[in-house]
Amino acid sequence: MFKQLFKTKSINAIMHESEDPNKQLKRSLGAFDVVLLGIGAIVGAGIFATIGTAAAGDLARPGAGPALMLSFVITAVACGFAALCYAEFAAMVPISGSAYTYSYGTLGELVAWIIGWDLIIEYAVGNVAVAVSWANYFKTFVAGFGIHIPGWMSTDYRTAAKIPGLFESAPHILGVPIVCNIPAIGIVALITTVLVIGIKESSRMNAVMVIIKIIILGFFIFIGVQYVKPENWSPFAPNGWSGIQAGAAVVFFAYIGFDAVSTVAEEVKNPKRDLPVGIIGSLIICTILYITVAAVFTGIIPYKALVKMLATQQAEPLTMAIHYANIEKYGNLFVGIIAFGSVIAHTAVLLVFQLGQPRIFFSMARDGLLPPKFAEVHPKFRTPYFATILTGTAVGVTAMFTSIDEMVDLTNIGTLFAFILVCIGILILRKREPDRPRAFKVPFVPFLPLMGIAACFYLMLGLPWITWVRFAGWLILGMLVYRSYGFKHSKLKSII
């Protein structure tokens, strides 16, 4: 038993298994497509929803204030270390599965299972949060056209309990109020349909959305900079370094996604070149955008005013900033434009994350750790259709009845944990197989991977203790699933 738990799968074996024609995905993506997929995954709920809370703080953590700009730099550095390690792995092992596959080849089956289970938090659980946030912005957007979605069909049960009169206005069955988030499941169903049809079609849809949301962020910067008051940047760090660290831990959610690029490795035409370009290129572009947006946002709204805003207002920070600027002419139009951009940005993130999760299931099933149904490829579209539909159903149904609270933190800790294991994997593989050809190499090994481990763990320390408890509970549940199915059906077991 012990031997199987830490048995690694050779890189050659991993590459050979991907050559099965019945389980091959269609290679149709180029470097530009990969960069846009990265931006599509990164720019979304994080920048459009979390910067308000990160700057103001809440009951669980202090706010960063204008030092949010520095929080973004710290997070970008941590992600940069991890991105270099992802790029080396992705170019060397261009297989679906991301950190799960890399861990299988370096740390053994047990760690691979843990990371595969952990990535469900990043993609599926993270997408629940994005879907809920999307629904909030969509409701704001359509309200500008006089279309008002009733609260009972656009709110989860727990949030509805805090809104006076909502339960009374909702329809009842046997005296029980019916409350659920219909827009959230609607957008997930639409995205799932597109993903089943094909990767190239999904990529084209993503490209259009990426262009739109970059234009919208540029629009916010162009309009907002005219209302920036430098005195609002003082005090720069109202809560000191603790506020900056807490802000970095929160806005990490804004960077989640660059690693999703590695999940489409089997669908990239020239993965050895295009995957490193996509991973690192998208991270650099988004970092520049984020710091600029943070500077404008905190320059418009002073910290003392920001902390007095309601949590619901902080959840829509860019539109809140335009409202606060009190633009007499076209102010409402500008708010509507930014709300539209947020809807598009959230949709792009949903697309890429819904794309990533089924491909991780696909790789795990190919290794025998999940039922073979998860590895089935559609005969016409050449996509992992069963895993895609199952993921979409789970995310959509969960989004109907849950709030965004705590989900961002849980997603962050799961992703940071994955980043740490990827950095460790680079150190092990450099030692174990130093002569293996590498199209891209992390420079200054072991220094940079070690810095990546330290930086990611430091960000994890900025998360509330309850998040660590929930994460531990999730991993324990995963071990029970592995013991009951994966351990018994692992294909490695037959060769030990």
Protein backbone atom coordinates (compact mmCIF):
# COMPACT_ATOMS: atom_id res chain seq x y z
CA MET A 1 0.00 0.00 0.00
CA PHE A 2 2.71 2.48 1.04
CA LYS A 3 4.62 1.80 -2.18
CA GLN A 4 1.60 2.70 -4.32
CA LEU A 5 0.87 5.91 -2.43
CA PHE A 6 4.23 7.43 -3.34
CA LYS A 7 4.77 5.71 -6.68
CA THR A 8 5.37 8.26 -9.44
CA LYS A 9 4.40 7.94 -13.06
CA SER A 10 7.26 8.60 -15.46
CA ILE A 11 6.99 11.61 -17.75
CA ASN A 12 7.37 9.25 -20.71
CA ALA A 13 4.41 7.17 -19.53
CA ILE A 14 2.29 10.29 -19.08
CA MET A 15 3.09 11.42 -22.61
CA HIS A 16 2.44 7.95 -24.06
CA GLU A 17 -1.05 7.66 -22.52
CA SER A 18 -2.13 10.92 -24.15
CA GLU A 19 -1.55 9.37 -27.58
CA ASP A 20 -4.60 7.08 -27.37
CA PRO A 21 -6.70 8.21 -30.39
CA ASN A 22 -9.95 7.45 -28.56
CA LYS A 23 -9.01 9.81 -25.72
CA GLN A 24 -7.28 12.58 -27.62
CA LEU A 25 -8.41 16.18 -27.56
CA LYS A 26 -8.29 18.41 -30.62
CA ARG A 27 -5.17 20.61 -30.98
CA SER A 28 -6.42 23.90 -32.41
CA LEU A 29 -5.07 26.73 -30.20
CA GLY A 30 -2.20 29.08 -31.03
CA ALA A 31 -0.09 31.41 -28.85
CA PHE A 32 -2.52 34.32 -29.20
CA ASP A 33 -5.42 32.08 -28.20
CA VAL A 34 -3.52 30.92 -25.12
CA VAL A 35 -2.66 34.47 -23.99
CA LEU A 36 -6.30 35.49 -24.38
CA LEU A 37 -7.44 32.43 -22.43
CA GLY A 38 -5.09 33.47 -19.63
CA ILE A 39 -6.41 37.04 -19.60
CA GLY A 40 -9.94 35.70 -19.87
CA ALA A 41 -9.43 33.64 -16.73
CA ILE A 42 -7.59 36.29 -14.72
CA VAL A 43 -9.49 39.53 -15.37
CA GLY A 44 -12.90 39.02 -13.84
CA ALA A 45 -14.51 38.75 -10.44
CA GLY A 46 -11.25 39.62 -8.69
CA ILE A 47 -10.70 43.10 -10.09
CA PHE A 48 -14.40 43.86 -10.51
CA ALA A 49 -15.53 42.59 -7.10
CA THR A 50 -12.80 42.05 -4.48
CA ILE A 51 -10.79 45.30 -4.52
CA GLY A 52 -13.47 47.12 -2.50
CA THR A 53 -13.27 44.64 0.38
CA ALA A 54 -9.47 44.40 0.10
CA ALA A 55 -9.07 48.17 0.40
CA ALA A 56 -11.71 48.69 3.11
CA GLY A 57 -11.28 45.48 5.13
CA ASP A 58 -14.02 43.72 7.07
CA LEU A 59 -14.63 42.13 10.46
CA ALA A 60 -12.17 39.31 9.71
CA ARG A 61 -9.24 41.41 8.47
CA PRO A 62 -7.86 44.97 8.21
CA GLY A 63 -8.07 46.89 4.95
CA ALA A 64 -5.08 47.86 2.79
CA GLY A 65 -6.37 51.33 1.90
CA PRO A 66 -4.44 53.03 -0.94
CA ALA A 67 -1.62 50.54 -0.25
CA LEU A 68 -3.78 48.13 -2.22
CA MET A 69 -1.43 49.01 -5.07
CA LEU A 70 1.40 47.44 -3.09
CA SER A 71 -0.81 44.44 -2.25
CA PHE A 72 -1.19 43.79 -5.98
CA VAL A 73 2.59 43.97 -6.45
CA ILE A 74 3.20 41.44 -3.63
CA THR A 75 0.63 39.04 -5.06
CA ALA A 76 2.00 39.45 -8.58
CA VAL A 77 5.51 38.55 -7.35
CA ALA A 78 4.21 35.40 -5.61
CA CYS A 79 2.23 34.42 -8.71
CA GLY A 80 5.24 35.20 -10.90
CA PHE A 81 7.40 32.63 -9.11
CA ALA A 82 4.66 30.03 -9.48
CA ALA A 83 4.03 31.02 -13.11
CA LEU A 84 7.65 30.30 -14.04
CA CYS A 85 7.36 26.82 -12.52
CA TYR A 86 4.05 26.20 -14.29
CA ALA A 87 5.61 27.32 -17.58
CA GLU A 88 8.48 24.83 -17.29
CA PHE A 89 6.14 21.96 -16.48
CA ALA A 90 3.58 22.91 -19.14
CA ALA A 91 6.21 23.07 -21.89
CA MET A 92 7.81 19.79 -20.79
CA VAL A 93 4.57 17.86 -20.08
CA PRO A 94 1.91 19.36 -22.41
CA ILE A 95 -0.90 17.23 -20.97
CA SER A 96 -4.33 18.18 -19.57
CA GLY A 97 -4.45 18.07 -15.79
CA SER A 98 -2.28 21.03 -14.79
CA ALA A 99 -0.73 20.68 -11.32
CA TYR A 100 -2.34 17.26 -10.86
CA THR A 101 -0.38 15.78 -13.76
CA TYR A 102 2.85 17.49 -12.71
CA SER A 103 2.52 16.15 -9.16
CA TYR A 104 1.90 12.61 -10.44
CA GLY A 105 5.20 12.71 -12.28
CA THR A 106 7.22 14.10 -9.36
CA LEU A 107 5.60 13.61 -5.95
CA GLY A 108 3.62 10.39 -6.33
CA GLU A 109 0.01 9.21 -6.59
CA LEU A 110 -1.12 10.30 -3.12
CA VAL A 111 0.06 13.88 -3.58
CA ALA A 112 -1.33 13.88 -7.13
CA TRP A 113 -4.74 12.88 -5.80
CA ILE A 114 -4.57 15.56 -3.09
CA ILE A 115 -3.73 18.25 -5.63
CA GLY A 116 -6.38 17.02 -8.07
CA TRP A 117 -8.97 17.13 -5.32
CA ASP A 118 -7.64 20.51 -4.20
CA LEU A 119 -8.01 21.95 -7.71
CA ILE A 120 -11.76 21.34 -7.49
CA ILE A 121 -11.72 24.21 -4.98
CA GLU A 122 -9.96 26.50 -7.44
CA TYR A 123 -12.09 25.77 -10.47
CA ALA A 124 -15.50 24.45 -9.41
CA VAL A 125 -15.88 26.18 -6.03
CA GLY A 126 -14.25 29.31 -7.42
CA ASN A 127 -16.70 29.31 -10.29
CA VAL A 128 -19.62 29.17 -7.87
CA ALA A 129 -18.37 32.46 -6.42
CA VAL A 130 -17.91 33.93 -9.92
CA ALA A 131 -21.41 32.83 -10.99
CA VAL A 132 -22.97 34.47 -7.92
CA SER A 133 -20.99 37.66 -8.53
CA TRP A 134 -21.98 37.59 -12.22
CA ALA A 135 -25.64 37.41 -11.24
CA ASN A 136 -25.28 40.47 -8.99
CA TYR A 137 -23.69 42.58 -11.74
CA PHE A 138 -26.17 41.29 -14.34
CA LYS A 139 -29.04 42.38 -12.11
CA THR A 140 -27.50 45.87 -11.81
CA PHE A 141 -26.90 46.04 -15.57
CA VAL A 142 -30.42 45.13 -16.70
CA ALA A 143 -31.93 47.44 -14.07
CA GLY A 144 -30.50 50.29 -16.14
CA PHE A 145 -32.91 49.27 -18.90
CA GLY A 146 -35.88 49.20 -16.55
CA ILE A 147 -35.77 45.40 -16.12
CA HIS A 148 -35.96 44.54 -12.43
CA ILE A 149 -35.28 40.94 -11.48
CA PRO A 150 -37.19 40.03 -8.29
CA GLY A 151 -35.01 39.45 -5.26
CA TRP A 152 -36.42 36.00 -4.57
CA MET A 153 -35.17 34.71 -7.94
CA SER A 154 -31.74 36.39 -7.85
CA THR A 155 -30.59 35.79 -4.27
CA ASP A 156 -29.51 32.81 -2.21
CA TYR A 157 -31.47 31.78 0.88
CA ARG A 158 -28.96 32.92 3.47
CA THR A 159 -28.57 36.40 1.96
CA ALA A 160 -32.33 36.69 1.53
CA ALA A 161 -32.77 36.19 5.28
CA LYS A 162 -30.87 39.45 5.85
CA ILE A 163 -33.05 41.48 3.46
CA PRO A 164 -36.23 42.82 5.11
CA GLY A 165 -39.43 41.79 3.34
CA LEU A 166 -37.83 39.48 0.78
CA PHE A 167 -39.19 36.26 2.23
CA GLU A 168 -42.66 37.81 2.40
CA SER A 169 -42.57 38.83 -1.29
CA ALA A 170 -41.36 35.41 -2.48
CA PRO A 171 -43.75 32.68 -3.63
CA HIS A 172 -44.39 29.97 -1.06
CA ILE A 173 -44.90 26.21 -1.24
CA LEU A 174 -46.44 24.69 1.89
CA GLY A 175 -45.51 27.86 3.73
CA VAL A 176 -41.83 27.72 2.70
CA PRO A 177 -40.53 30.73 0.70
CA ILE A 178 -38.95 29.83 -2.66
CA VAL A 179 -35.65 31.67 -3.01
CA CYS A 180 -32.90 30.82 -5.51
CA ASN A 181 -30.47 32.48 -7.91
CA ILE A 182 -31.85 31.81 -11.40
CA PRO A 183 -29.42 34.09 -13.34
CA ALA A 184 -26.46 32.23 -11.80
CA ILE A 185 -27.54 28.81 -13.03
CA GLY A 186 -28.61 30.31 -16.35
CA ILE A 187 -25.16 31.64 -17.24
CA VAL A 188 -23.46 28.41 -16.13
CA ALA A 189 -25.81 26.39 -18.36
CA LEU A 190 -25.01 28.62 -21.35
CA ILE A 191 -21.24 28.36 -20.78
CA THR A 192 -21.44 24.58 -20.37
CA THR A 193 -23.23 24.25 -23.72
CA VAL A 194 -20.54 26.28 -25.51
CA LEU A 195 -17.76 24.20 -23.94
CA VAL A 196 -19.31 20.90 -25.01
CA ILE A 197 -19.54 22.11 -28.63
CA GLY A 198 -15.79 22.68 -28.96
CA ILE A 199 -12.57 24.25 -27.69
CA LYS A 200 -12.04 26.48 -30.73
CA GLU A 201 -15.56 27.87 -30.47
CA SER A 202 -14.97 28.48 -26.77
CA SER A 203 -11.69 30.22 -27.57
CA ARG A 204 -13.36 32.54 -30.08
CA MET A 205 -16.07 33.46 -27.61
CA ASN A 206 -13.40 34.15 -24.98
CA ALA A 207 -11.36 36.33 -27.38
CA VAL A 208 -14.32 38.63 -27.99
CA MET A 209 -15.02 38.95 -24.26
CA VAL A 210 -11.36 39.63 -23.42
CA ILE A 211 -11.19 42.50 -25.89
CA ILE A 212 -14.40 43.99 -24.49
CA LYS A 213 -13.35 43.84 -20.85
CA ILE A 214 -9.91 45.31 -21.49
CA ILE A 215 -11.63 48.20 -23.27
CA ILE A 216 -13.98 48.64 -20.29
CA LEU A 217 -11.12 48.67 -17.77
CA GLY A 218 -9.33 51.19 -19.98
CA PHE A 219 -12.54 53.24 -20.04
CA PHE A 220 -12.70 53.20 -16.21
CA ILE A 221 -9.08 54.33 -15.98
CA PHE A 222 -9.60 57.09 -18.59
CA ILE A 223 -12.73 58.47 -16.90
CA GLY A 224 -11.68 57.83 -13.31
CA VAL A 225 -8.22 59.43 -13.50
CA GLN A 226 -9.91 62.80 -14.08
CA TYR A 227 -11.50 62.54 -10.62
CA VAL A 228 -8.47 61.27 -8.72
CA LYS A 229 -7.40 63.44 -5.78
CA PRO A 230 -3.81 62.72 -4.62
CA GLU A 231 -4.75 63.62 -1.04
CA ASN A 232 -7.00 60.52 -1.00
CA TRP A 233 -3.86 58.40 -1.08
CA SER A 234 -2.98 59.62 2.42
CA PRO A 235 -2.64 57.80 4.74
CA PHE A 236 -1.19 55.32 2.26
CA ALA A 237 -1.35 52.30 4.58
CA PRO A 238 -3.94 53.09 7.29
CA ASN A 239 -3.57 49.64 8.88
CA GLY A 240 0.13 49.16 8.36
CA TRP A 241 1.71 46.03 7.00
CA SER A 242 -1.06 43.76 8.34
CA GLY A 243 -3.54 45.56 6.09
CA ILE A 244 -1.24 45.20 3.09
CA GLN A 245 -0.76 41.47 3.72
CA ALA A 246 -4.50 40.92 4.21
CA GLY A 247 -5.19 42.89 1.04
CA ALA A 248 -2.71 40.76 -0.89
CA ALA A 249 -4.40 37.58 0.36
CA VAL A 250 -7.79 38.87 -0.81
CA VAL A 251 -6.76 40.20 -4.23
CA PHE A 252 -5.01 36.92 -4.95
CA PHE A 253 -8.46 35.93 -6.21
CA ALA A 254 -7.90 38.49 -8.98
CA TYR A 255 -4.88 36.49 -10.22
CA ILE A 256 -6.41 33.04 -10.14
CA GLY A 257 -6.63 31.79 -13.68
CA PHE A 258 -3.20 32.01 -15.28
CA ASP A 259 -2.63 28.40 -14.29
CA ALA A 260 -5.87 27.45 -16.06
CA VAL A 261 -3.92 27.88 -19.29
CA SER A 262 -2.02 24.68 -18.49
CA THR A 263 -5.25 22.66 -18.46
CA VAL A 264 -5.64 23.11 -22.24
CA ALA A 265 -2.12 21.82 -22.95
CA GLU A 266 -3.40 18.93 -25.09
CA GLU A 267 -5.35 21.37 -27.28
CA VAL A 268 -2.44 23.70 -28.12
CA LYS A 269 -0.73 23.35 -31.50
CA ASN A 270 2.80 24.15 -30.26
CA PRO A 271 2.66 23.73 -26.45
CA LYS A 272 6.42 23.93 -25.87
CA ARG A 273 6.44 27.51 -27.12
CA ASP A 274 2.87 28.75 -26.67
CA LEU A 275 2.16 27.61 -23.10
CA PRO A 276 5.01 29.58 -21.44
CA VAL A 277 4.07 32.60 -23.56
CA GLY A 278 0.42 32.32 -22.51
CA ILE A 279 1.10 31.80 -18.80
CA ILE A 280 3.71 34.52 -18.31
CA GLY A 281 2.33 36.96 -20.89
CA SER A 282 -1.19 37.02 -19.46
CA LEU A 283 0.17 37.49 -15.92
CA ILE A 284 2.28 40.52 -16.91
CA ILE A 285 -0.54 42.23 -18.83
CA CYS A 286 -3.02 41.75 -16.00
CA THR A 287 -0.62 42.99 -13.31
CA ILE A 288 -0.15 46.30 -15.11
CA LEU A 289 -3.92 46.68 -15.48
CA TYR A 290 -4.58 45.83 -11.83
CA ILE A 291 -2.11 48.28 -10.30
CA THR A 292 -3.44 51.07 -12.49
CA VAL A 293 -7.07 50.32 -11.61
CA ALA A 294 -6.19 50.16 -7.89
CA ALA A 295 -4.48 53.54 -8.08
CA VAL A 296 -7.49 55.17 -9.74
CA PHE A 297 -10.03 53.48 -7.43
CA THR A 298 -8.29 54.52 -4.20
CA GLY A 299 -7.62 57.97 -5.64
CA ILE A 300 -11.33 58.58 -6.20
CA ILE A 301 -12.69 57.28 -2.88
CA PRO A 302 -10.85 58.23 0.35
CA TYR A 303 -10.31 55.40 2.82
CA LYS A 304 -12.50 57.00 5.51
CA ALA A 305 -15.44 57.11 3.10
CA LEU A 306 -14.77 53.63 1.74
CA VAL A 307 -15.01 51.89 5.13
CA LYS A 308 -18.47 53.42 5.65
CA MET A 309 -19.83 51.87 2.46
CA LEU A 310 -22.14 48.87 2.69
CA ALA A 311 -20.70 45.46 1.86
CA THR A 312 -23.05 45.24 -1.12
CA GLN A 313 -21.60 48.51 -2.44
CA GLN A 314 -18.03 47.33 -1.90
CA ALA A 315 -18.87 44.21 -3.91
CA GLU A 316 -19.28 46.45 -6.99
CA PRO A 317 -16.24 48.73 -6.45
CA LEU A 318 -15.78 50.21 -9.93
CA THR A 319 -19.39 51.31 -10.33
CA MET A 320 -19.28 52.57 -6.72
CA ALA A 321 -16.25 54.71 -7.59
CA ILE A 322 -18.02 56.28 -10.56
CA HIS A 323 -21.08 56.98 -8.40
CA TYR A 324 -18.85 58.57 -5.74
CA ALA A 325 -17.14 60.77 -8.33
CA ASN A 326 -20.58 62.35 -8.84
CA ILE A 327 -20.18 62.90 -12.56
CA GLU A 328 -23.05 65.24 -13.47
CA LYS A 329 -23.16 64.53 -17.19
CA TYR A 330 -23.30 60.93 -18.44
CA GLY A 331 -22.63 59.58 -14.93
CA ASN A 332 -25.38 56.96 -15.09
CA LEU A 333 -24.29 55.99 -18.61
CA PHE A 334 -20.72 55.44 -17.39
CA VAL A 335 -22.00 53.25 -14.54
CA GLY A 336 -23.97 51.19 -17.05
CA ILE A 337 -20.95 50.76 -19.32
CA ILE A 338 -18.78 49.52 -16.45
CA ALA A 339 -21.53 47.17 -15.24
CA PHE A 340 -21.72 45.75 -18.76
CA GLY A 341 -17.94 45.25 -18.76
CA SER A 342 -18.14 43.41 -15.46
CA VAL A 343 -20.82 41.07 -16.79
CA ILE A 344 -18.57 40.28 -19.78
CA ALA A 345 -15.49 39.84 -17.56
CA HIS A 346 -17.29 37.44 -15.24
CA THR A 347 -18.56 35.48 -18.23
CA ALA A 348 -15.03 35.03 -19.55
CA VAL A 349 -13.80 33.74 -16.20
CA LEU A 350 -16.71 31.31 -16.01
CA LEU A 351 -15.82 30.08 -19.48
CA VAL A 352 -12.15 29.38 -18.76
CA PHE A 353 -12.73 27.88 -15.29
CA GLN A 354 -15.53 25.66 -16.58
CA LEU A 355 -13.09 24.63 -19.29
CA GLY A 356 -10.34 23.76 -16.79
CA GLN A 357 -12.18 21.61 -14.24
CA PRO A 358 -13.41 18.89 -16.68
CA ARG A 359 -9.90 18.49 -18.08
CA ILE A 360 -8.54 17.78 -14.62
CA PHE A 361 -11.28 15.17 -14.12
CA PHE A 362 -10.36 13.86 -17.60
CA SER A 363 -6.73 13.29 -16.58
CA MET A 364 -7.62 11.74 -13.23
CA ALA A 365 -10.04 9.29 -14.91
CA ARG A 366 -7.39 8.37 -17.48
CA ASP A 367 -5.20 7.34 -14.54
CA GLY A 368 -8.00 5.27 -13.00
CA LEU A 369 -8.49 7.55 -9.99
CA LEU A 370 -11.99 8.49 -11.15
CA PRO A 371 -14.57 6.40 -13.06
CA PRO A 372 -13.75 6.00 -16.81
CA LYS A 373 -16.87 7.97 -17.76
CA PHE A 374 -14.98 11.16 -16.87
CA ALA A 375 -12.41 10.39 -19.60
CA GLU A 376 -14.95 9.94 -22.40
CA VAL A 377 -14.48 12.26 -25.38
CA HIS A 378 -17.39 13.33 -27.58
CA PRO A 379 -17.05 11.56 -30.96
CA LYS A 380 -17.85 14.72 -32.95
CA PHE A 381 -16.71 17.67 -30.84
CA ARG A 382 -13.63 15.93 -29.30
CA THR A 383 -14.30 17.47 -25.89
CA PRO A 384 -14.66 15.74 -22.47
CA TYR A 385 -18.41 16.18 -22.63
CA PHE A 386 -19.51 14.09 -19.63
CA ALA A 387 -17.10 15.80 -17.21
CA THR A 388 -18.08 19.20 -18.68
CA ILE A 389 -21.82 18.61 -18.23
CA LEU A 390 -21.38 17.19 -14.72
CA THR A 391 -19.21 20.14 -13.67
CA GLY A 392 -21.66 22.64 -15.11
CA THR A 393 -24.58 21.00 -13.32
CA ALA A 394 -22.77 20.94 -9.97
CA VAL A 395 -21.58 24.56 -10.23
CA GLY A 396 -24.93 25.87 -11.47
CA VAL A 397 -27.06 24.14 -8.84
CA THR A 398 -24.69 25.16 -6.03
CA ALA A 399 -24.66 28.78 -7.24
CA MET A 400 -28.45 28.88 -7.00
CA PHE A 401 -28.43 28.43 -3.25
CA THR A 402 -25.12 29.76 -1.89
CA SER A 403 -23.61 33.18 -1.25
CA ILE A 404 -20.20 34.48 -2.25
CA ASP A 405 -19.15 34.75 1.42
CA GLU A 406 -16.14 32.62 2.39
CA MET A 407 -15.88 31.11 -1.11
CA VAL A 408 -13.21 33.55 -2.24
CA ASP A 409 -11.01 32.68 0.76
CA LEU A 410 -11.51 28.94 0.24
CA THR A 411 -10.62 29.26 -3.44
CA ASN A 412 -7.51 31.27 -2.59
CA ILE A 413 -6.10 28.81 -0.05
CA GLY A 414 -6.70 25.86 -2.39
CA THR A 415 -4.95 27.58 -5.28
CA LEU A 416 -1.98 28.75 -3.19
CA PHE A 417 -1.54 25.18 -1.98
CA ALA A 418 -1.46 23.99 -5.61
CA PHE A 419 1.16 26.62 -6.46
CA ILE A 420 3.38 25.43 -3.60
CA LEU A 421 3.28 21.84 -4.81
CA VAL A 422 4.16 22.87 -8.36
CA CYS A 423 7.21 24.78 -7.09
CA ILE A 424 8.26 21.73 -5.05
CA GLY A 425 7.77 19.54 -8.13
CA ILE A 426 10.26 21.62 -10.14
CA LEU A 427 12.91 21.16 -7.44
CA ILE A 428 12.38 17.38 -7.38
CA LEU A 429 12.36 16.89 -11.15
CA ARG A 430 15.49 19.01 -11.63
CA LYS A 431 17.23 16.67 -9.20
CA ARG A 432 15.72 13.43 -10.52
CA GLU A 433 15.91 14.12 -14.28
CA PRO A 434 18.44 16.92 -14.84
CA ASP A 435 19.08 15.93 -18.46
CA ARG A 436 15.45 15.83 -19.62
CA PRO A 437 14.90 18.32 -22.51
CA ARG A 438 13.16 21.48 -21.36
CA ALA A 439 11.78 23.98 -23.87
CA PHE A 440 11.50 26.50 -21.01
CA LYS A 441 13.54 26.51 -17.82
CA VAL A 442 12.97 28.36 -14.57
CA PRO A 443 16.08 30.51 -14.00
CA PHE A 444 18.03 30.57 -10.74
CA VAL A 445 16.95 27.16 -9.44
CA PRO A 446 16.56 26.42 -6.52
CA PHE A 447 16.23 30.09 -5.46
CA LEU A 448 13.13 31.07 -7.45
CA PRO A 449 11.06 27.94 -6.68
CA LEU A 450 11.93 28.30 -2.99
CA MET A 451 10.87 31.94 -3.12
CA GLY A 452 7.62 30.83 -4.75
CA ILE A 453 6.96 28.38 -1.90
CA ALA A 454 7.68 31.01 0.74
CA ALA A 455 5.64 33.74 -0.97
CA CYS A 456 2.56 31.55 -1.46
CA PHE A 457 2.69 30.28 2.13
CA TYR A 458 3.00 33.89 3.33
CA LEU A 459 -0.20 34.79 1.47
CA MET A 460 -1.93 31.75 2.97
CA LEU A 461 -1.10 33.12 6.45
CA GLY A 462 -3.12 36.23 5.58
CA LEU A 463 -6.35 34.21 5.32
CA PRO A 464 -8.75 33.77 8.30
CA TRP A 465 -8.28 30.68 10.49
CA ILE A 466 -11.76 29.38 9.62
CA THR A 467 -10.60 29.08 6.01
CA TRP A 468 -7.80 26.75 7.11
CA VAL A 469 -10.35 24.62 9.00
CA ARG A 470 -12.62 24.35 5.95
CA PHE A 471 -9.66 23.52 3.72
CA ALA A 472 -8.53 20.75 6.08
CA GLY A 473 -12.06 19.34 6.09
CA TRP A 474 -12.14 19.33 2.29
CA LEU A 475 -8.84 17.45 2.09
CA ILE A 476 -10.05 14.85 4.60
CA LEU A 477 -13.16 14.28 2.49
CA GLY A 478 -10.92 13.86 -0.55
CA MET A 479 -8.84 11.20 1.20
CA LEU A 480 -12.01 9.23 1.95
CA VAL A 481 -12.99 9.35 -1.72
CA TYR A 482 -9.50 8.23 -2.76
CA ARG A 483 -9.51 5.35 -0.29
CA SER A 484 -12.93 4.13 -1.46
CA TYR A 485 -12.31 4.36 -5.23
CA GLY A 486 -9.04 5.81 -6.53
CA PHE A 487 -6.69 3.56 -4.55
CA LYS A 488 -8.50 0.42 -5.71
CA HIS A 489 -8.76 1.36 -9.40
CA SER A 490 -5.43 3.13 -9.95
CA LYS A 491 -3.67 1.98 -13.12
CA LEU A 492 -0.36 2.26 -11.31
CA LYS A 493 -1.48 -0.54 -8.99
CA SER A 494 -1.30 -3.07 -11.82
CA ILE A 495 2.41 -2.36 -12.48
CA ILE A 496 3.67 -2.32 -8.90
